[in-house]
Amino acid sequence: MDGLLIDSEPLWREAAQHVFAQYNIRLSADEYKTTTGLRSREFVRWWFSKYNVEEKEMKHAEDKLVKTVIELVQTRGKVMPGVDYIFQFFKEHNFKIGLASSSNMELINVVVDMLHLRDNLHAITSAENLFYGKPHPQVYLNCAEELNSNPVECVCFEDSFNGMIAGLAARMQCVVVPEHLQYTQERWGAASLKISSLKNFNHLHLDLLER
């Protein structure tokens, strides 16, 4: 969802900078990207552990982070290119469509309603309360189960490396749509397919994945 359906990754980073500044933590762009795709809880824990912030502060910081992101998404969130197209494409091909996100359900519901996607989704799963989040595949496996689908018959779309690993670990075909500045990185070679935008996915790509 974040970075794939809505351009919220810059907003997550802005929120993190705001919250972490209260703990004298400054993340570089490269540092931030290493934890893209993690749940907010794991994101906060990872950096607080690295910078030796007391554990008792983690829950407060996570709540503040999520609240700030929701406020930013509601005021400045923008739909990513090709979202309407990709939903229409798979609806015309009679696919069931699910959303499997690391974000908590409060933010998922905000985005789904902002983008008017609820009627197009047959399942929504969040890793918020799972024992493991991405790159663990559980949120994808749960989504496939809610869709009453075999994971090996599913195609997942991802923009983050941790998400790609989760989709592949679930034994799904994984299409990655990396951020422009990361597009040429070799690590995306593990994906089933790499495209520059959702609007570029077409029948030839689908045929390739089905083979």
N, C-alpha and C. Protein backbone atom coordinates (compact mmCIF):
# COMPACT_ATOMS: atom_id res chain seq x y z
N MET A 1 0.83 -1.20 0.00
CA MET A 1 0.00 0.00 0.00
C MET A 1 0.87 1.26 0.00
N ASP A 2 1.68 1.42 1.06
CA ASP A 2 2.55 2.60 1.17
C ASP A 2 3.63 2.55 0.09
N GLY A 3 3.62 3.56 -0.77
CA GLY A 3 4.61 3.62 -1.83
C GLY A 3 4.19 2.91 -3.10
N LEU A 4 3.09 2.17 -3.04
CA LEU A 4 2.60 1.45 -4.22
C LEU A 4 1.25 2.00 -4.68
N LEU A 5 0.32 2.14 -3.73
CA LEU A 5 -0.99 2.70 -4.03
C LEU A 5 -1.04 4.19 -3.73
N ILE A 6 -0.34 4.59 -2.68
CA ILE A 6 -0.34 6.00 -2.29
C ILE A 6 1.09 6.43 -2.01
N ASP A 7 1.42 7.64 -2.40
CA ASP A 7 2.79 8.14 -2.26
C ASP A 7 3.02 8.60 -0.82
N SER A 8 3.05 7.63 0.08
CA SER A 8 3.15 7.94 1.50
C SER A 8 4.54 7.72 2.08
N GLU A 9 5.45 7.10 1.33
CA GLU A 9 6.78 6.86 1.88
C GLU A 9 7.48 8.16 2.29
N PRO A 10 7.42 9.23 1.46
CA PRO A 10 8.02 10.49 1.92
C PRO A 10 7.36 11.02 3.19
N LEU A 11 6.07 10.73 3.35
CA LEU A 11 5.35 11.19 4.54
C LEU A 11 5.76 10.38 5.77
N TRP A 12 5.99 9.07 5.58
CA TRP A 12 6.50 8.24 6.67
C TRP A 12 7.86 8.76 7.13
N ARG A 13 8.70 9.09 6.16
CA ARG A 13 10.03 9.59 6.51
C ARG A 13 9.95 10.94 7.23
N GLU A 14 9.06 11.81 6.74
CA GLU A 14 8.88 13.11 7.39
C GLU A 14 8.39 12.93 8.83
N ALA A 15 7.43 12.02 9.01
CA ALA A 15 6.91 11.76 10.35
C ALA A 15 8.00 11.18 11.26
N ALA A 16 8.81 10.27 10.70
CA ALA A 16 9.90 9.67 11.49
C ALA A 16 10.91 10.72 11.90
N GLN A 17 11.25 11.62 10.99
CA GLN A 17 12.20 12.69 11.32
C GLN A 17 11.66 13.55 12.45
N HIS A 18 10.36 13.85 12.39
CA HIS A 18 9.73 14.69 13.42
C HIS A 18 9.74 13.99 14.78
N VAL A 19 9.34 12.73 14.80
CA VAL A 19 9.26 12.00 16.07
C VAL A 19 10.65 11.67 16.61
N PHE A 20 11.53 11.20 15.74
CA PHE A 20 12.87 10.80 16.18
C PHE A 20 13.71 11.99 16.65
N ALA A 21 13.42 13.17 16.12
CA ALA A 21 14.18 14.35 16.54
C ALA A 21 14.03 14.58 18.04
N GLN A 22 12.90 14.16 18.59
CA GLN A 22 12.67 14.31 20.03
C GLN A 22 13.59 13.42 20.84
N TYR A 23 14.21 12.44 20.17
CA TYR A 23 15.14 11.52 20.84
C TYR A 23 16.57 11.67 20.30
N ASN A 24 16.80 12.81 19.61
CA ASN A 24 18.13 13.12 19.06
C ASN A 24 18.60 12.07 18.05
N ILE A 25 17.65 11.55 17.27
CA ILE A 25 17.98 10.59 16.21
C ILE A 25 17.79 11.27 14.86
N ARG A 26 18.79 11.20 14.02
CA ARG A 26 18.72 11.73 12.67
C ARG A 26 19.07 10.62 11.69
N LEU A 27 18.14 10.24 10.84
CA LEU A 27 18.38 9.18 9.88
C LEU A 27 18.70 9.77 8.52
N SER A 28 19.74 9.23 7.88
CA SER A 28 20.03 9.62 6.50
C SER A 28 19.03 8.93 5.59
N ALA A 29 18.96 9.39 4.35
CA ALA A 29 18.06 8.77 3.37
C ALA A 29 18.39 7.30 3.19
N ASP A 30 19.68 6.96 3.14
CA ASP A 30 20.10 5.57 2.95
C ASP A 30 19.75 4.73 4.16
N GLU A 31 19.90 5.28 5.35
CA GLU A 31 19.53 4.53 6.57
C GLU A 31 18.03 4.24 6.57
N TYR A 32 17.25 5.26 6.25
CA TYR A 32 15.80 5.10 6.27
C TYR A 32 15.35 4.00 5.31
N LYS A 33 15.95 3.94 4.13
CA LYS A 33 15.54 2.97 3.11
C LYS A 33 15.78 1.53 3.55
N THR A 34 16.74 1.31 4.44
CA THR A 34 17.02 -0.07 4.88
C THR A 34 15.87 -0.66 5.68
N THR A 35 15.02 0.18 6.24
CA THR A 35 13.90 -0.32 7.05
C THR A 35 12.55 -0.05 6.41
N THR A 36 12.54 0.36 5.13
CA THR A 36 11.28 0.54 4.42
C THR A 36 10.55 -0.80 4.28
N GLY A 37 9.26 -0.80 4.57
CA GLY A 37 8.46 -2.02 4.47
C GLY A 37 8.25 -2.72 5.79
N LEU A 38 8.97 -2.29 6.84
CA LEU A 38 8.76 -2.87 8.15
C LEU A 38 7.54 -2.25 8.82
N ARG A 39 6.99 -2.96 9.79
CA ARG A 39 5.91 -2.38 10.59
C ARG A 39 6.44 -1.23 11.42
N SER A 40 5.55 -0.32 11.77
CA SER A 40 5.98 0.85 12.56
C SER A 40 6.64 0.41 13.86
N ARG A 41 6.13 -0.65 14.48
CA ARG A 41 6.70 -1.14 15.74
C ARG A 41 8.14 -1.61 15.55
N GLU A 42 8.37 -2.37 14.48
CA GLU A 42 9.71 -2.88 14.22
C GLU A 42 10.64 -1.76 13.77
N PHE A 43 10.09 -0.83 13.01
CA PHE A 43 10.87 0.33 12.57
C PHE A 43 11.39 1.11 13.77
N VAL A 44 10.51 1.43 14.71
CA VAL A 44 10.91 2.18 15.91
C VAL A 44 11.88 1.37 16.75
N ARG A 45 11.57 0.10 16.95
CA ARG A 45 12.44 -0.74 17.79
C ARG A 45 13.85 -0.84 17.21
N TRP A 46 13.93 -0.99 15.90
CA TRP A 46 15.23 -1.14 15.24
C TRP A 46 16.12 0.08 15.50
N TRP A 47 15.57 1.28 15.27
CA TRP A 47 16.39 2.50 15.40
C TRP A 47 16.58 2.90 16.85
N PHE A 48 15.58 2.65 17.70
CA PHE A 48 15.76 2.97 19.11
C PHE A 48 16.82 2.06 19.74
N SER A 49 16.85 0.80 19.30
CA SER A 49 17.88 -0.11 19.81
C SER A 49 19.27 0.34 19.36
N LYS A 50 19.37 0.75 18.10
CA LYS A 50 20.66 1.18 17.57
C LYS A 50 21.16 2.43 18.27
N TYR A 51 20.24 3.33 18.62
CA TYR A 51 20.64 4.59 19.25
C TYR A 51 20.45 4.57 20.77
N ASN A 52 20.22 3.38 21.33
CA ASN A 52 20.17 3.18 22.79
C ASN A 52 19.12 4.05 23.49
N VAL A 53 17.94 4.14 22.88
CA VAL A 53 16.83 4.83 23.51
C VAL A 53 16.11 3.84 24.41
N GLU A 54 15.66 4.29 25.57
CA GLU A 54 15.01 3.40 26.52
C GLU A 54 13.78 2.72 25.91
N GLU A 55 13.62 1.45 26.19
CA GLU A 55 12.54 0.65 25.62
C GLU A 55 11.17 1.19 26.00
N LYS A 56 11.05 1.80 27.17
CA LYS A 56 9.75 2.30 27.64
C LYS A 56 9.22 3.42 26.74
N GLU A 57 10.11 4.02 25.93
CA GLU A 57 9.69 5.11 25.04
C GLU A 57 9.14 4.61 23.70
N MET A 58 9.33 3.32 23.42
CA MET A 58 9.01 2.81 22.08
C MET A 58 7.53 2.90 21.75
N LYS A 59 6.67 2.50 22.66
CA LYS A 59 5.23 2.51 22.38
C LYS A 59 4.73 3.93 22.15
N HIS A 60 5.17 4.87 22.97
CA HIS A 60 4.76 6.26 22.80
C HIS A 60 5.22 6.79 21.45
N ALA A 61 6.46 6.48 21.08
CA ALA A 61 7.00 6.96 19.80
C ALA A 61 6.26 6.33 18.63
N GLU A 62 5.93 5.04 18.72
CA GLU A 62 5.20 4.38 17.65
C GLU A 62 3.82 5.00 17.46
N ASP A 63 3.12 5.22 18.56
CA ASP A 63 1.78 5.82 18.48
C ASP A 63 1.85 7.20 17.86
N LYS A 64 2.84 7.98 18.25
CA LYS A 64 3.00 9.33 17.70
C LYS A 64 3.34 9.26 16.22
N LEU A 65 4.18 8.30 15.84
CA LEU A 65 4.57 8.14 14.44
C LEU A 65 3.35 7.84 13.58
N VAL A 66 2.55 6.87 13.98
CA VAL A 66 1.38 6.46 13.20
C VAL A 66 0.37 7.60 13.12
N LYS A 67 0.13 8.28 14.24
CA LYS A 67 -0.81 9.39 14.25
C LYS A 67 -0.36 10.49 13.29
N THR A 68 0.94 10.78 13.29
CA THR A 68 1.47 11.82 12.41
C THR A 68 1.34 11.42 10.95
N VAL A 69 1.64 10.15 10.64
CA VAL A 69 1.51 9.68 9.26
C VAL A 69 0.07 9.78 8.78
N ILE A 70 -0.86 9.37 9.60
CA ILE A 70 -2.28 9.44 9.21
C ILE A 70 -2.67 10.89 8.91
N GLU A 71 -2.24 11.83 9.75
CA GLU A 71 -2.55 13.24 9.52
C GLU A 71 -1.94 13.72 8.21
N LEU A 72 -0.70 13.32 7.93
CA LEU A 72 -0.04 13.74 6.69
C LEU A 72 -0.71 13.12 5.47
N VAL A 73 -1.07 11.84 5.57
CA VAL A 73 -1.73 11.17 4.45
C VAL A 73 -3.08 11.83 4.15
N GLN A 74 -3.82 12.16 5.19
CA GLN A 74 -5.14 12.77 4.99
C GLN A 74 -5.04 14.15 4.34
N THR A 75 -3.96 14.87 4.61
CA THR A 75 -3.83 16.23 4.08
C THR A 75 -3.00 16.30 2.81
N ARG A 76 -2.03 15.36 2.64
CA ARG A 76 -1.10 15.50 1.51
C ARG A 76 -0.88 14.21 0.73
N GLY A 77 -1.57 13.15 1.08
CA GLY A 77 -1.38 11.88 0.38
C GLY A 77 -1.85 11.96 -1.06
N LYS A 78 -1.04 11.41 -1.97
CA LYS A 78 -1.38 11.42 -3.39
C LYS A 78 -1.38 9.99 -3.94
N VAL A 79 -2.36 9.70 -4.77
CA VAL A 79 -2.45 8.38 -5.38
C VAL A 79 -1.27 8.18 -6.32
N MET A 80 -0.73 6.95 -6.36
CA MET A 80 0.38 6.64 -7.25
C MET A 80 -0.13 6.43 -8.67
N PRO A 81 0.71 6.67 -9.67
CA PRO A 81 0.29 6.48 -11.06
C PRO A 81 -0.12 5.03 -11.34
N GLY A 82 -1.22 4.86 -12.04
CA GLY A 82 -1.64 3.53 -12.48
C GLY A 82 -2.52 2.76 -11.54
N VAL A 83 -2.90 3.34 -10.40
CA VAL A 83 -3.71 2.58 -9.44
C VAL A 83 -5.07 2.23 -10.03
N ASP A 84 -5.78 3.21 -10.56
CA ASP A 84 -7.09 2.92 -11.17
C ASP A 84 -6.94 1.91 -12.30
N TYR A 85 -5.89 2.06 -13.09
CA TYR A 85 -5.66 1.17 -14.23
C TYR A 85 -5.46 -0.27 -13.77
N ILE A 86 -4.62 -0.49 -12.76
CA ILE A 86 -4.27 -1.85 -12.36
C ILE A 86 -5.46 -2.56 -11.73
N PHE A 87 -6.29 -1.83 -10.99
CA PHE A 87 -7.49 -2.44 -10.43
C PHE A 87 -8.46 -2.82 -11.55
N GLN A 88 -8.62 -1.94 -12.51
CA GLN A 88 -9.53 -2.23 -13.62
C GLN A 88 -9.01 -3.41 -14.45
N PHE A 89 -7.70 -3.47 -14.65
CA PHE A 89 -7.09 -4.56 -15.41
C PHE A 89 -7.42 -5.91 -14.80
N PHE A 90 -7.22 -6.04 -13.50
CA PHE A 90 -7.45 -7.34 -12.88
C PHE A 90 -8.93 -7.63 -12.67
N LYS A 91 -9.75 -6.61 -12.52
CA LYS A 91 -11.19 -6.83 -12.47
C LYS A 91 -11.68 -7.39 -13.79
N GLU A 92 -11.18 -6.85 -14.92
CA GLU A 92 -11.57 -7.33 -16.24
C GLU A 92 -11.11 -8.75 -16.49
N HIS A 93 -10.05 -9.17 -15.80
CA HIS A 93 -9.55 -10.54 -15.93
C HIS A 93 -10.09 -11.46 -14.84
N ASN A 94 -11.09 -10.97 -14.11
CA ASN A 94 -11.80 -11.77 -13.10
C ASN A 94 -10.89 -12.28 -11.98
N PHE A 95 -9.92 -11.47 -11.61
CA PHE A 95 -9.08 -11.79 -10.47
C PHE A 95 -9.73 -11.30 -9.18
N LYS A 96 -9.56 -12.07 -8.11
CA LYS A 96 -9.86 -11.56 -6.78
C LYS A 96 -8.69 -10.67 -6.36
N ILE A 97 -8.98 -9.60 -5.66
CA ILE A 97 -7.94 -8.64 -5.29
C ILE A 97 -7.91 -8.47 -3.78
N GLY A 98 -6.71 -8.59 -3.21
CA GLY A 98 -6.53 -8.40 -1.78
C GLY A 98 -5.46 -7.36 -1.50
N LEU A 99 -5.50 -6.81 -0.31
CA LEU A 99 -4.49 -5.85 0.14
C LEU A 99 -3.81 -6.42 1.37
N ALA A 100 -2.48 -6.60 1.28
CA ALA A 100 -1.70 -7.13 2.40
C ALA A 100 -0.64 -6.09 2.76
N SER A 101 -0.78 -5.46 3.91
CA SER A 101 0.06 -4.32 4.24
C SER A 101 0.71 -4.48 5.62
N SER A 102 1.90 -3.88 5.75
CA SER A 102 2.55 -3.82 7.05
C SER A 102 1.92 -2.76 7.95
N SER A 103 1.20 -1.82 7.36
CA SER A 103 0.61 -0.73 8.13
C SER A 103 -0.53 -1.23 9.01
N ASN A 104 -0.85 -0.42 10.02
CA ASN A 104 -1.95 -0.82 10.90
C ASN A 104 -3.28 -0.55 10.22
N MET A 105 -4.33 -1.15 10.77
CA MET A 105 -5.63 -1.10 10.10
C MET A 105 -6.20 0.31 10.06
N GLU A 106 -5.87 1.12 11.04
CA GLU A 106 -6.38 2.50 11.03
C GLU A 106 -5.90 3.25 9.79
N LEU A 107 -4.62 3.13 9.48
CA LEU A 107 -4.08 3.80 8.30
C LEU A 107 -4.58 3.13 7.02
N ILE A 108 -4.64 1.80 7.01
CA ILE A 108 -5.16 1.09 5.84
C ILE A 108 -6.56 1.58 5.50
N ASN A 109 -7.42 1.69 6.50
CA ASN A 109 -8.79 2.13 6.25
C ASN A 109 -8.83 3.56 5.72
N VAL A 110 -7.95 4.42 6.23
CA VAL A 110 -7.89 5.80 5.74
C VAL A 110 -7.54 5.81 4.26
N VAL A 111 -6.52 5.04 3.87
CA VAL A 111 -6.08 5.03 2.48
C VAL A 111 -7.12 4.38 1.57
N VAL A 112 -7.66 3.26 1.99
CA VAL A 112 -8.65 2.56 1.17
C VAL A 112 -9.84 3.46 0.88
N ASP A 113 -10.30 4.20 1.88
CA ASP A 113 -11.45 5.08 1.68
C ASP A 113 -11.07 6.33 0.89
N MET A 114 -9.86 6.86 1.10
CA MET A 114 -9.41 8.02 0.32
C MET A 114 -9.36 7.71 -1.16
N LEU A 115 -8.90 6.48 -1.49
CA LEU A 115 -8.73 6.11 -2.89
C LEU A 115 -9.96 5.39 -3.45
N HIS A 116 -11.01 5.25 -2.63
CA HIS A 116 -12.27 4.62 -3.06
C HIS A 116 -12.04 3.20 -3.59
N LEU A 117 -11.31 2.42 -2.81
CA LEU A 117 -10.94 1.08 -3.25
C LEU A 117 -11.74 -0.03 -2.57
N ARG A 118 -12.52 0.29 -1.58
CA ARG A 118 -13.12 -0.75 -0.75
C ARG A 118 -13.97 -1.73 -1.57
N ASP A 119 -14.73 -1.21 -2.53
CA ASP A 119 -15.59 -2.09 -3.33
C ASP A 119 -14.79 -3.00 -4.26
N ASN A 120 -13.50 -2.67 -4.46
CA ASN A 120 -12.66 -3.48 -5.35
C ASN A 120 -11.86 -4.54 -4.61
N LEU A 121 -11.90 -4.52 -3.30
CA LEU A 121 -11.08 -5.43 -2.51
C LEU A 121 -11.90 -6.57 -1.93
N HIS A 122 -11.41 -7.78 -2.13
CA HIS A 122 -12.08 -8.96 -1.59
C HIS A 122 -11.48 -9.38 -0.25
N ALA A 123 -10.35 -8.81 0.11
CA ALA A 123 -9.70 -9.13 1.39
C ALA A 123 -8.74 -8.01 1.74
N ILE A 124 -8.63 -7.72 3.04
CA ILE A 124 -7.65 -6.76 3.55
C ILE A 124 -6.99 -7.38 4.77
N THR A 125 -5.67 -7.50 4.74
CA THR A 125 -4.96 -8.04 5.90
C THR A 125 -3.83 -7.10 6.29
N SER A 126 -3.64 -6.99 7.59
CA SER A 126 -2.59 -6.15 8.16
C SER A 126 -1.63 -7.01 8.98
N ALA A 127 -0.36 -6.65 8.94
CA ALA A 127 0.64 -7.35 9.76
C ALA A 127 0.74 -6.73 11.16
N GLU A 128 -0.12 -5.77 11.45
CA GLU A 128 -0.03 -5.00 12.71
C GLU A 128 0.09 -5.89 13.93
N ASN A 129 -0.76 -6.90 14.04
CA ASN A 129 -0.80 -7.73 15.24
C ASN A 129 -0.25 -9.13 15.04
N LEU A 130 0.41 -9.36 13.92
CA LEU A 130 1.02 -10.66 13.69
C LEU A 130 2.32 -10.79 14.50
N PHE A 131 2.72 -12.02 14.78
CA PHE A 131 3.96 -12.23 15.52
C PHE A 131 5.15 -11.72 14.72
N TYR A 132 5.10 -11.94 13.39
CA TYR A 132 6.14 -11.43 12.51
C TYR A 132 5.51 -10.61 11.39
N GLY A 133 6.18 -9.52 11.01
CA GLY A 133 5.78 -8.73 9.86
C GLY A 133 6.70 -9.02 8.69
N LYS A 134 6.50 -8.30 7.59
CA LYS A 134 7.39 -8.43 6.45
C LYS A 134 8.82 -8.14 6.90
N PRO A 135 9.81 -8.91 6.45
CA PRO A 135 9.83 -9.81 5.29
C PRO A 135 9.27 -11.21 5.53
N HIS A 136 8.71 -11.48 6.72
CA HIS A 136 8.02 -12.75 6.93
C HIS A 136 6.76 -12.78 6.05
N PRO A 137 6.40 -13.92 5.49
CA PRO A 137 5.30 -13.97 4.52
C PRO A 137 3.90 -14.05 5.12
N GLN A 138 3.76 -14.05 6.45
CA GLN A 138 2.47 -14.38 7.05
C GLN A 138 1.33 -13.48 6.58
N VAL A 139 1.58 -12.18 6.44
CA VAL A 139 0.50 -11.28 6.04
C VAL A 139 0.01 -11.62 4.63
N TYR A 140 0.91 -12.09 3.76
CA TYR A 140 0.51 -12.51 2.42
C TYR A 140 -0.23 -13.84 2.46
N LEU A 141 0.24 -14.75 3.29
CA LEU A 141 -0.44 -16.04 3.42
C LEU A 141 -1.85 -15.85 3.98
N ASN A 142 -1.99 -14.95 4.95
CA ASN A 142 -3.31 -14.66 5.50
C ASN A 142 -4.24 -14.07 4.45
N CYS A 143 -3.68 -13.21 3.60
CA CYS A 143 -4.49 -12.58 2.55
C CYS A 143 -4.97 -13.63 1.54
N ALA A 144 -4.06 -14.51 1.15
CA ALA A 144 -4.43 -15.58 0.21
C ALA A 144 -5.52 -16.46 0.82
N GLU A 145 -5.41 -16.75 2.11
CA GLU A 145 -6.41 -17.58 2.78
C GLU A 145 -7.77 -16.88 2.78
N GLU A 146 -7.79 -15.57 3.05
CA GLU A 146 -9.05 -14.83 3.03
C GLU A 146 -9.66 -14.78 1.63
N LEU A 147 -8.79 -14.82 0.63
CA LEU A 147 -9.26 -14.83 -0.76
C LEU A 147 -9.67 -16.23 -1.21
N ASN A 148 -9.43 -17.22 -0.33
CA ASN A 148 -9.67 -18.63 -0.66
C ASN A 148 -8.87 -19.02 -1.90
N SER A 149 -7.60 -18.59 -1.91
CA SER A 149 -6.71 -18.81 -3.04
C SER A 149 -5.43 -19.49 -2.60
N ASN A 150 -4.87 -20.29 -3.49
CA ASN A 150 -3.57 -20.91 -3.23
C ASN A 150 -2.49 -19.85 -3.46
N PRO A 151 -1.56 -19.66 -2.51
CA PRO A 151 -0.53 -18.65 -2.69
C PRO A 151 0.24 -18.78 -4.00
N VAL A 152 0.45 -20.01 -4.47
CA VAL A 152 1.22 -20.20 -5.71
C VAL A 152 0.46 -19.72 -6.93
N GLU A 153 -0.83 -19.44 -6.78
CA GLU A 153 -1.63 -18.92 -7.88
C GLU A 153 -1.84 -17.41 -7.78
N CYS A 154 -1.11 -16.78 -6.85
CA CYS A 154 -1.28 -15.35 -6.61
C CYS A 154 -0.13 -14.54 -7.21
N VAL A 155 -0.44 -13.31 -7.58
CA VAL A 155 0.55 -12.33 -8.00
C VAL A 155 0.52 -11.20 -6.99
N CYS A 156 1.67 -10.85 -6.44
CA CYS A 156 1.72 -9.72 -5.52
C CYS A 156 2.52 -8.59 -6.15
N PHE A 157 2.16 -7.37 -5.79
CA PHE A 157 2.87 -6.18 -6.26
C PHE A 157 3.51 -5.50 -5.05
N GLU A 158 4.78 -5.15 -5.19
CA GLU A 158 5.53 -4.57 -4.08
C GLU A 158 6.43 -3.44 -4.56
N ASP A 159 6.72 -2.53 -3.64
CA ASP A 159 7.68 -1.47 -3.95
C ASP A 159 8.90 -1.52 -3.04
N SER A 160 8.86 -2.34 -1.98
CA SER A 160 9.97 -2.40 -1.03
C SER A 160 10.67 -3.76 -1.10
N PHE A 161 11.93 -3.77 -0.71
CA PHE A 161 12.71 -5.00 -0.71
C PHE A 161 12.15 -5.99 0.31
N ASN A 162 11.83 -5.51 1.52
CA ASN A 162 11.27 -6.40 2.54
C ASN A 162 9.95 -6.99 2.09
N GLY A 163 9.14 -6.21 1.39
CA GLY A 163 7.88 -6.71 0.86
C GLY A 163 8.09 -7.75 -0.22
N MET A 164 9.07 -7.52 -1.10
CA MET A 164 9.38 -8.48 -2.15
C MET A 164 9.77 -9.82 -1.54
N ILE A 165 10.61 -9.80 -0.53
CA ILE A 165 11.03 -11.04 0.12
C ILE A 165 9.83 -11.76 0.73
N ALA A 166 8.91 -10.99 1.32
CA ALA A 166 7.72 -11.58 1.91
C ALA A 166 6.86 -12.27 0.86
N GLY A 167 6.64 -11.59 -0.26
CA GLY A 167 5.82 -12.18 -1.32
C GLY A 167 6.44 -13.43 -1.90
N LEU A 168 7.74 -13.39 -2.14
CA LEU A 168 8.43 -14.56 -2.68
C LEU A 168 8.43 -15.71 -1.68
N ALA A 169 8.59 -15.38 -0.39
CA ALA A 169 8.57 -16.43 0.64
C ALA A 169 7.20 -17.08 0.75
N ALA A 170 6.17 -16.33 0.38
CA ALA A 170 4.81 -16.89 0.35
C ALA A 170 4.57 -17.74 -0.90
N ARG A 171 5.61 -17.81 -1.78
CA ARG A 171 5.58 -18.58 -3.04
C ARG A 171 4.65 -17.95 -4.07
N MET A 172 4.52 -16.64 -3.99
CA MET A 172 3.74 -15.91 -4.98
C MET A 172 4.66 -15.37 -6.08
N GLN A 173 4.10 -15.11 -7.24
CA GLN A 173 4.80 -14.34 -8.25
C GLN A 173 4.85 -12.90 -7.74
N CYS A 174 6.03 -12.28 -7.77
CA CYS A 174 6.16 -10.94 -7.20
C CYS A 174 6.60 -9.94 -8.26
N VAL A 175 5.76 -8.93 -8.49
CA VAL A 175 6.08 -7.84 -9.40
C VAL A 175 6.53 -6.65 -8.55
N VAL A 176 7.74 -6.17 -8.78
CA VAL A 176 8.23 -5.02 -8.02
C VAL A 176 8.13 -3.75 -8.84
N VAL A 177 7.75 -2.69 -8.15
CA VAL A 177 7.65 -1.36 -8.75
C VAL A 177 8.51 -0.42 -7.89
N PRO A 178 9.83 -0.49 -8.06
CA PRO A 178 10.70 0.26 -7.15
C PRO A 178 10.61 1.77 -7.35
N GLU A 179 10.99 2.47 -6.30
CA GLU A 179 11.15 3.93 -6.42
C GLU A 179 12.15 4.23 -7.53
N HIS A 180 11.93 5.33 -8.22
CA HIS A 180 12.76 5.68 -9.38
C HIS A 180 14.25 5.63 -9.07
N LEU A 181 14.66 6.18 -7.95
CA LEU A 181 16.08 6.25 -7.62
C LEU A 181 16.68 4.89 -7.28
N GLN A 182 15.83 3.91 -6.99
CA GLN A 182 16.31 2.57 -6.64
C GLN A 182 16.12 1.57 -7.79
N TYR A 183 15.56 2.02 -8.90
CA TYR A 183 15.10 1.11 -9.94
C TYR A 183 16.21 0.21 -10.48
N THR A 184 17.42 0.71 -10.61
CA THR A 184 18.50 -0.06 -11.23
C THR A 184 19.26 -0.95 -10.25
N GLN A 185 18.87 -0.97 -9.00
CA GLN A 185 19.59 -1.78 -8.01
C GLN A 185 19.45 -3.27 -8.33
N GLU A 186 20.54 -3.99 -8.18
CA GLU A 186 20.58 -5.41 -8.56
C GLU A 186 19.68 -6.28 -7.70
N ARG A 187 19.39 -5.84 -6.49
CA ARG A 187 18.61 -6.69 -5.58
C ARG A 187 17.21 -7.02 -6.10
N TRP A 188 16.69 -6.18 -7.01
CA TRP A 188 15.37 -6.46 -7.57
C TRP A 188 15.38 -7.63 -8.53
N GLY A 189 16.57 -8.15 -8.84
CA GLY A 189 16.67 -9.29 -9.74
C GLY A 189 16.00 -10.54 -9.21
N ALA A 190 15.74 -10.58 -7.90
CA ALA A 190 15.05 -11.74 -7.31
C ALA A 190 13.57 -11.77 -7.65
N ALA A 191 13.02 -10.64 -8.06
CA ALA A 191 11.58 -10.56 -8.34
C ALA A 191 11.22 -11.33 -9.60
N SER A 192 9.94 -11.67 -9.70
CA SER A 192 9.44 -12.33 -10.91
C SER A 192 9.42 -11.38 -12.08
N LEU A 193 9.20 -10.10 -11.79
CA LEU A 193 9.10 -9.07 -12.82
C LEU A 193 9.34 -7.72 -12.19
N LYS A 194 10.00 -6.81 -12.92
CA LYS A 194 10.21 -5.44 -12.45
C LYS A 194 9.65 -4.48 -13.48
N ILE A 195 8.83 -3.54 -13.02
CA ILE A 195 8.27 -2.51 -13.91
C ILE A 195 8.43 -1.15 -13.24
N SER A 196 8.38 -0.09 -14.03
CA SER A 196 8.61 1.24 -13.50
C SER A 196 7.35 1.90 -12.96
N SER A 197 6.19 1.37 -13.33
CA SER A 197 4.91 1.94 -12.88
C SER A 197 3.81 0.90 -13.01
N LEU A 198 2.82 0.97 -12.16
CA LEU A 198 1.67 0.07 -12.28
C LEU A 198 1.00 0.21 -13.64
N LYS A 199 1.01 1.40 -14.20
CA LYS A 199 0.33 1.62 -15.48
C LYS A 199 1.03 0.93 -16.64
N ASN A 200 2.25 0.42 -16.40
CA ASN A 200 2.98 -0.27 -17.47
C ASN A 200 2.70 -1.77 -17.51
N PHE A 201 2.00 -2.30 -16.51
CA PHE A 201 1.68 -3.73 -16.51
C PHE A 201 0.66 -4.02 -17.60
N ASN A 202 0.87 -5.12 -18.35
CA ASN A 202 -0.03 -5.40 -19.46
C ASN A 202 -0.24 -6.91 -19.64
N HIS A 203 -0.96 -7.26 -20.71
CA HIS A 203 -1.29 -8.66 -20.97
C HIS A 203 -0.04 -9.52 -21.17
N LEU A 204 0.98 -8.99 -21.79
CA LEU A 204 2.21 -9.75 -22.00
C LEU A 204 2.86 -10.10 -20.68
N HIS A 205 2.85 -9.16 -19.74
CA HIS A 205 3.41 -9.43 -18.42
C HIS A 205 2.62 -10.52 -17.71
N LEU A 206 1.30 -10.44 -17.81
CA LEU A 206 0.46 -11.46 -17.16
C LEU A 206 0.72 -12.83 -17.76
N ASP A 207 0.83 -12.90 -19.08
CA ASP A 207 1.12 -14.17 -19.74
C ASP A 207 2.47 -14.72 -19.28
N LEU A 208 3.45 -13.85 -19.14
CA LEU A 208 4.77 -14.26 -18.68
C LEU A 208 4.72 -14.85 -17.28
N LEU A 209 3.97 -14.21 -16.39
CA LEU A 209 3.85 -14.69 -15.02
C LEU A 209 3.10 -16.02 -14.96
N GLU A 210 2.10 -16.17 -15.80
CA GLU A 210 1.30 -17.41 -15.80
C GLU A 210 2.11 -18.59 -16.31
N ARG A 211 3.11 -18.31 -17.13
CA ARG A 211 3.97 -19.40 -17.61
C ARG A 211 4.97 -19.82 -16.55
